[in-house]
Amino acid sequence: SYSIYKKRPKNLIAVTGTNGKSSVA
């Protein structure tokens, strides 16, 4: 999928954890 849709933003950030993900994002 990501090989087909290969155009993507340069700066990708991932936030994980039980709580606080939505707030940090």
PDB file of all heavy atoms in Angstrom:
ATOM      1  N   SER A   1       0.827  -1.211   0.000  1.00  0.00           N
ATOM      2  CA  SER A   1       0.000   0.000   0.000  1.00  0.00           C
ATOM      3  C   SER A   1       0.859   1.258   0.000  1.00  0.00           C
ATOM      4  O   SER A   1       0.650   2.169  -0.805  1.00  0.00           O
ATOM      5  CB  SER A   1      -0.929  -0.009   1.214  1.00  0.00           C
ATOM      6  OG  SER A   1      -1.712   1.162   1.231  1.00  0.00           O
ATOM      7  N   TYR A   2       1.876   1.288   0.887  1.00  0.00           N
ATOM      8  CA  TYR A   2       2.728   2.483   0.974  1.00  0.00           C
ATOM      9  C   TYR A   2       3.705   2.575  -0.208  1.00  0.00           C
ATOM     10  O   TYR A   2       4.258   3.639  -0.461  1.00  0.00           O
ATOM     11  CB  TYR A   2       3.479   2.506   2.309  1.00  0.00           C
ATOM     12  CG  TYR A   2       2.531   2.565   3.491  1.00  0.00           C
ATOM     13  CD1 TYR A   2       2.665   1.696   4.581  1.00  0.00           C
ATOM     14  CD2 TYR A   2       1.485   3.488   3.536  1.00  0.00           C
ATOM     15  CE1 TYR A   2       1.793   1.730   5.653  1.00  0.00           C
ATOM     16  CE2 TYR A   2       0.604   3.525   4.598  1.00  0.00           C
ATOM     17  CZ  TYR A   2       0.758   2.643   5.652  1.00  0.00           C
ATOM     18  OH  TYR A   2      -0.125   2.693   6.718  1.00  0.00           O
ATOM     19  N   SER A   3       3.885   1.446  -0.939  1.00  0.00           N
ATOM     20  CA  SER A   3       4.687   1.499  -2.164  1.00  0.00           C
ATOM     21  C   SER A   3       3.881   2.090  -3.321  1.00  0.00           C
ATOM     22  O   SER A   3       4.423   2.764  -4.187  1.00  0.00           O
ATOM     23  CB  SER A   3       5.155   0.089  -2.559  1.00  0.00           C
ATOM     24  OG  SER A   3       6.027  -0.422  -1.585  1.00  0.00           O
ATOM     25  N   ILE A   4       2.574   1.827  -3.315  1.00  0.00           N
ATOM     26  CA  ILE A   4       1.696   2.375  -4.355  1.00  0.00           C
ATOM     27  C   ILE A   4       1.441   3.861  -4.098  1.00  0.00           C
ATOM     28  O   ILE A   4       1.583   4.697  -4.988  1.00  0.00           O
ATOM     29  CB  ILE A   4       0.364   1.592  -4.416  1.00  0.00           C
ATOM     30  CG1 ILE A   4       0.620   0.177  -4.952  1.00  0.00           C
ATOM     31  CG2 ILE A   4      -0.658   2.316  -5.295  1.00  0.00           C
ATOM     32  CD1 ILE A   4      -0.579  -0.744  -4.861  1.00  0.00           C
ATOM     33  N   TYR A   5       1.047   4.166  -2.849  1.00  0.00           N
ATOM     34  CA  TYR A   5       0.806   5.568  -2.473  1.00  0.00           C
ATOM     35  C   TYR A   5       2.100   6.115  -1.867  1.00  0.00           C
ATOM     36  O   TYR A   5       2.198   6.336  -0.665  1.00  0.00           O
ATOM     37  CB  TYR A   5      -0.363   5.659  -1.479  1.00  0.00           C
ATOM     38  CG  TYR A   5      -1.633   5.039  -2.005  1.00  0.00           C
ATOM     39  CD1 TYR A   5      -2.096   3.824  -1.516  1.00  0.00           C
ATOM     40  CD2 TYR A   5      -2.361   5.661  -3.018  1.00  0.00           C
ATOM     41  CE1 TYR A   5      -3.255   3.241  -2.007  1.00  0.00           C
ATOM     42  CE2 TYR A   5      -3.525   5.089  -3.525  1.00  0.00           C
ATOM     43  CZ  TYR A   5      -3.963   3.880  -3.013  1.00  0.00           C
ATOM     44  OH  TYR A   5      -5.103   3.309  -3.512  1.00  0.00           O
ATOM     45  N   LYS A   6       3.097   6.310  -2.726  1.00  0.00           N
ATOM     46  CA  LYS A   6       4.438   6.597  -2.212  1.00  0.00           C
ATOM     47  C   LYS A   6       4.706   8.075  -1.955  1.00  0.00           C
ATOM     48  O   LYS A   6       5.685   8.433  -1.308  1.00  0.00           O
ATOM     49  CB  LYS A   6       5.507   6.010  -3.127  1.00  0.00           C
ATOM     50  CG  LYS A   6       5.409   6.391  -4.576  1.00  0.00           C
ATOM     51  CD  LYS A   6       6.384   5.544  -5.382  1.00  0.00           C
ATOM     52  CE  LYS A   6       6.194   5.799  -6.878  1.00  0.00           C
ATOM     53  NZ  LYS A   6       7.033   4.904  -7.679  1.00  0.00           N
ATOM     54  N   LYS A   7       3.841   8.945  -2.488  1.00  0.00           N
ATOM     55  CA  LYS A   7       3.997  10.374  -2.178  1.00  0.00           C
ATOM     56  C   LYS A   7       3.460  10.616  -0.781  1.00  0.00           C
ATOM     57  O   LYS A   7       2.313  10.298  -0.483  1.00  0.00           O
ATOM     58  CB  LYS A   7       3.194  11.222  -3.181  1.00  0.00           C
ATOM     59  CG  LYS A   7       3.873  11.393  -4.529  1.00  0.00           C
ATOM     60  CD  LYS A   7       3.020  12.226  -5.467  1.00  0.00           C
ATOM     61  CE  LYS A   7       3.018  13.697  -5.065  1.00  0.00           C
ATOM     62  NZ  LYS A   7       2.203  14.519  -5.996  1.00  0.00           N
ATOM     63  N   ARG A   8       4.317  11.137   0.101  1.00  0.00           N
ATOM     64  CA  ARG A   8       3.841  11.384   1.469  1.00  0.00           C
ATOM     65  C   ARG A   8       4.629  12.522   2.104  1.00  0.00           C
ATOM     66  O   ARG A   8       5.724  12.866   1.641  1.00  0.00           O
ATOM     67  CB  ARG A   8       3.923  10.128   2.315  1.00  0.00           C
ATOM     68  CG  ARG A   8       5.311   9.579   2.577  1.00  0.00           C
ATOM     69  CD  ARG A   8       5.222   8.291   3.385  1.00  0.00           C
ATOM     70  NE  ARG A   8       4.629   7.226   2.641  1.00  0.00           N
ATOM     71  CZ  ARG A   8       5.301   6.249   2.034  1.00  0.00           C
ATOM     72  NH1 ARG A   8       6.618   6.212   2.133  1.00  0.00           N
ATOM     73  NH2 ARG A   8       4.696   5.313   1.366  1.00  0.00           N
ATOM     74  N   PRO A   9       4.086  13.123   3.160  1.00  0.00           N
ATOM     75  CA  PRO A   9       4.779  14.222   3.849  1.00  0.00           C
ATOM     76  C   PRO A   9       6.179  13.819   4.315  1.00  0.00           C
ATOM     77  O   PRO A   9       6.417  12.669   4.687  1.00  0.00           O
ATOM     78  CB  PRO A   9       3.854  14.516   5.034  1.00  0.00           C
ATOM     79  CG  PRO A   9       2.506  14.087   4.563  1.00  0.00           C
ATOM     80  CD  PRO A   9       2.746  12.872   3.725  1.00  0.00           C
ATOM     81  N   LYS A  10       7.102  14.785   4.288  1.00  0.00           N
ATOM     82  CA  LYS A  10       8.502  14.519   4.668  1.00  0.00           C
ATOM     83  C   LYS A  10       8.654  14.210   6.155  1.00  0.00           C
ATOM     84  O   LYS A  10       9.427  13.353   6.548  1.00  0.00           O
ATOM     85  CB  LYS A  10       9.369  15.733   4.324  1.00  0.00           C
ATOM     86  CG  LYS A  10       9.557  15.973   2.834  1.00  0.00           C
ATOM     87  CD  LYS A  10      10.373  17.240   2.602  1.00  0.00           C
ATOM     88  CE  LYS A  10      10.470  17.574   1.123  1.00  0.00           C
ATOM     89  NZ  LYS A  10      11.167  18.864   0.905  1.00  0.00           N
ATOM     90  N   ASN A  11       7.926  14.955   6.984  1.00  0.00           N
ATOM     91  CA  ASN A  11       8.102  14.842   8.434  1.00  0.00           C
ATOM     92  C   ASN A  11       6.918  14.098   9.049  1.00  0.00           C
ATOM     93  O   ASN A  11       5.886  14.684   9.364  1.00  0.00           O
ATOM     94  CB  ASN A  11       8.238  16.235   9.052  1.00  0.00           C
ATOM     95  CG  ASN A  11       8.504  16.175  10.551  1.00  0.00           C
ATOM     96  OD1 ASN A  11       9.078  15.215  11.052  1.00  0.00           O
ATOM     97  ND2 ASN A  11       8.076  17.202  11.268  1.00  0.00           N
ATOM     98  N   LEU A  12       7.080  12.771   9.193  1.00  0.00           N
ATOM     99  CA  LEU A  12       6.036  11.952   9.810  1.00  0.00           C
ATOM    100  C   LEU A  12       6.395  11.698  11.270  1.00  0.00           C
ATOM    101  O   LEU A  12       7.509  11.271  11.581  1.00  0.00           O
ATOM    102  CB  LEU A  12       5.899  10.610   9.091  1.00  0.00           C
ATOM    103  CG  LEU A  12       5.187  10.577   7.732  1.00  0.00           C
ATOM    104  CD1 LEU A  12       5.112   9.144   7.232  1.00  0.00           C
ATOM    105  CD2 LEU A  12       3.800  11.191   7.806  1.00  0.00           C
ATOM    106  N   ILE A  13       5.426  11.958  12.153  1.00  0.00           N
ATOM    107  CA  ILE A  13       5.632  11.775  13.593  1.00  0.00           C
ATOM    108  C   ILE A  13       4.580  10.802  14.108  1.00  0.00           C
ATOM    109  O   ILE A  13       3.409  10.909  13.759  1.00  0.00           O
ATOM    110  CB  ILE A  13       5.483  13.115  14.348  1.00  0.00           C
ATOM    111  CG1 ILE A  13       6.511  14.124  13.831  1.00  0.00           C
ATOM    112  CG2 ILE A  13       5.630  12.924  15.847  1.00  0.00           C
ATOM    113  CD1 ILE A  13       6.264  15.534  14.342  1.00  0.00           C
ATOM    114  N   ALA A  14       4.997   9.834  14.931  1.00  0.00           N
ATOM    115  CA  ALA A  14       4.050   8.902  15.541  1.00  0.00           C
ATOM    116  C   ALA A  14       4.088   9.071  17.054  1.00  0.00           C
ATOM    117  O   ALA A  14       5.167   9.146  17.642  1.00  0.00           O
ATOM    118  CB  ALA A  14       4.394   7.470  15.166  1.00  0.00           C
ATOM    119  N   VAL A  15       2.912   9.138  17.666  1.00  0.00           N
ATOM    120  CA  VAL A  15       2.836   9.218  19.129  1.00  0.00           C
ATOM    121  C   VAL A  15       2.051   8.014  19.633  1.00  0.00           C
ATOM    122  O   VAL A  15       0.966   7.708  19.147  1.00  0.00           O
ATOM    123  CB  VAL A  15       2.214  10.559  19.599  1.00  0.00           C
ATOM    124  CG1 VAL A  15       0.893  10.850  18.927  1.00  0.00           C
ATOM    125  CG2 VAL A  15       2.057  10.590  21.116  1.00  0.00           C
ATOM    126  N   THR A  16       2.650   7.286  20.580  1.00  0.00           N
ATOM    127  CA  THR A  16       1.994   6.117  21.149  1.00  0.00           C
ATOM    128  C   THR A  16       2.015   6.192  22.672  1.00  0.00           C
ATOM    129  O   THR A  16       2.743   6.990  23.257  1.00  0.00           O
ATOM    130  CB  THR A  16       2.645   4.816  20.630  1.00  0.00           C
ATOM    131  OG1 THR A  16       1.773   3.712  20.908  1.00  0.00           O
ATOM    132  CG2 THR A  16       4.013   4.567  21.258  1.00  0.00           C
ATOM    133  N   GLY A  17       1.225   5.332  23.309  1.00  0.00           N
ATOM    134  CA  GLY A  17       1.092   5.350  24.761  1.00  0.00           C
ATOM    135  C   GLY A  17      -0.363   5.098  25.125  1.00  0.00           C
ATOM    136  O   GLY A  17      -1.243   5.154  24.270  1.00  0.00           O
ATOM    137  N   THR A  18      -0.611   4.806  26.396  1.00  0.00           N
ATOM    138  CA  THR A  18      -1.993   4.541  26.814  1.00  0.00           C
ATOM    139  C   THR A  18      -2.806   5.826  26.834  1.00  0.00           C
ATOM    140  O   THR A  18      -3.875   5.914  26.254  1.00  0.00           O
ATOM    141  CB  THR A  18      -2.024   3.880  28.210  1.00  0.00           C
ATOM    142  OG1 THR A  18      -1.204   2.719  28.195  1.00  0.00           O
ATOM    143  CG2 THR A  18      -3.443   3.486  28.597  1.00  0.00           C
ATOM    144  N   ASN A  19      -2.285   6.842  27.518  1.00  0.00           N
ATOM    145  CA  ASN A  19      -2.996   8.111  27.649  1.00  0.00           C
ATOM    146  C   ASN A  19      -2.158   9.262  27.095  1.00  0.00           C
ATOM    147  O   ASN A  19      -0.936   9.212  27.098  1.00  0.00           O
ATOM    148  CB  ASN A  19      -3.326   8.380  29.126  1.00  0.00           C
ATOM    149  CG  ASN A  19      -4.147   7.265  29.743  1.00  0.00           C
ATOM    150  OD1 ASN A  19      -5.164   6.871  29.193  1.00  0.00           O
ATOM    151  ND2 ASN A  19      -3.696   6.733  30.878  1.00  0.00           N
ATOM    152  N   GLY A  20      -2.838  10.295  26.614  1.00  0.00           N
ATOM    153  CA  GLY A  20      -2.153  11.515  26.195  1.00  0.00           C
ATOM    154  C   GLY A  20      -1.854  11.636  24.717  1.00  0.00           C
ATOM    155  O   GLY A  20      -1.407  12.679  24.253  1.00  0.00           O
ATOM    156  N   LYS A  21      -2.090  10.563  23.942  1.00  0.00           N
ATOM    157  CA  LYS A  21      -1.752  10.592  22.507  1.00  0.00           C
ATOM    158  C   LYS A  21      -2.467  11.740  21.782  1.00  0.00           C
ATOM    159  O   LYS A  21      -1.844  12.507  21.052  1.00  0.00           O
ATOM    160  CB  LYS A  21      -2.121   9.264  21.838  1.00  0.00           C
ATOM    161  CG  LYS A  21      -1.328   8.059  22.288  1.00  0.00           C
ATOM    162  CD  LYS A  21      -1.609   6.831  21.450  1.00  0.00           C
ATOM    163  CE  LYS A  21      -3.037   6.348  21.495  1.00  0.00           C
ATOM    164  NZ  LYS A  21      -3.448   5.865  22.833  1.00  0.00           N
ATOM    165  N   SER A  22      -3.773  11.825  21.992  1.00  0.00           N
ATOM    166  CA  SER A  22      -4.567  12.849  21.290  1.00  0.00           C
ATOM    167  C   SER A  22      -4.137  14.252  21.689  1.00  0.00           C
ATOM    168  O   SER A  22      -4.080  15.158  20.852  1.00  0.00           O
ATOM    169  CB  SER A  22      -6.057  12.669  21.579  1.00  0.00           C
ATOM    170  OG  SER A  22      -6.496  11.413  21.128  1.00  0.00           O
ATOM    171  N   SER A  23      -3.840  14.431  22.978  1.00  0.00           N
ATOM    172  CA  SER A  23      -3.433  15.754  23.467  1.00  0.00           C
ATOM    173  C   SER A  23      -2.092  16.165  22.880  1.00  0.00           C
ATOM    174  O   SER A  23      -1.932  17.296  22.406  1.00  0.00           O
ATOM    175  CB  SER A  23      -3.367  15.760  25.001  1.00  0.00           C
ATOM    176  OG  SER A  23      -4.657  15.597  25.545  1.00  0.00           O
ATOM    177  N   VAL A  24      -1.104  15.271  22.907  1.00  0.00           N
ATOM    178  CA  VAL A  24       0.210  15.581  22.337  1.00  0.00           C
ATOM    179  C   VAL A  24       0.060  15.924  20.855  1.00  0.00           C
ATOM    180  O   VAL A  24       0.618  16.914  20.374  1.00  0.00           O
ATOM    181  CB  VAL A  24       1.200  14.399  22.520  1.00  0.00           C
ATOM    182  CG1 VAL A  24       2.494  14.654  21.757  1.00  0.00           C
ATOM    183  CG2 VAL A  24       1.505  14.175  24.004  1.00  0.00           C
ATOM    184  N   ALA A  25      -0.708  15.106  20.133  1.00  0.00           N
ATOM    185  CA  ALA A  25      -0.897  15.321  18.696  1.00  0.00           C
ATOM    186  C   ALA A  25      -1.561  16.665  18.429  1.00  0.00           C
ATOM    187  O   ALA A  25      -1.142  17.415  17.543  1.00  0.00           O
ATOM    188  CB  ALA A  25      -1.735  14.188  18.103  1.00  0.00           C
TER     189      ALA A  25
END
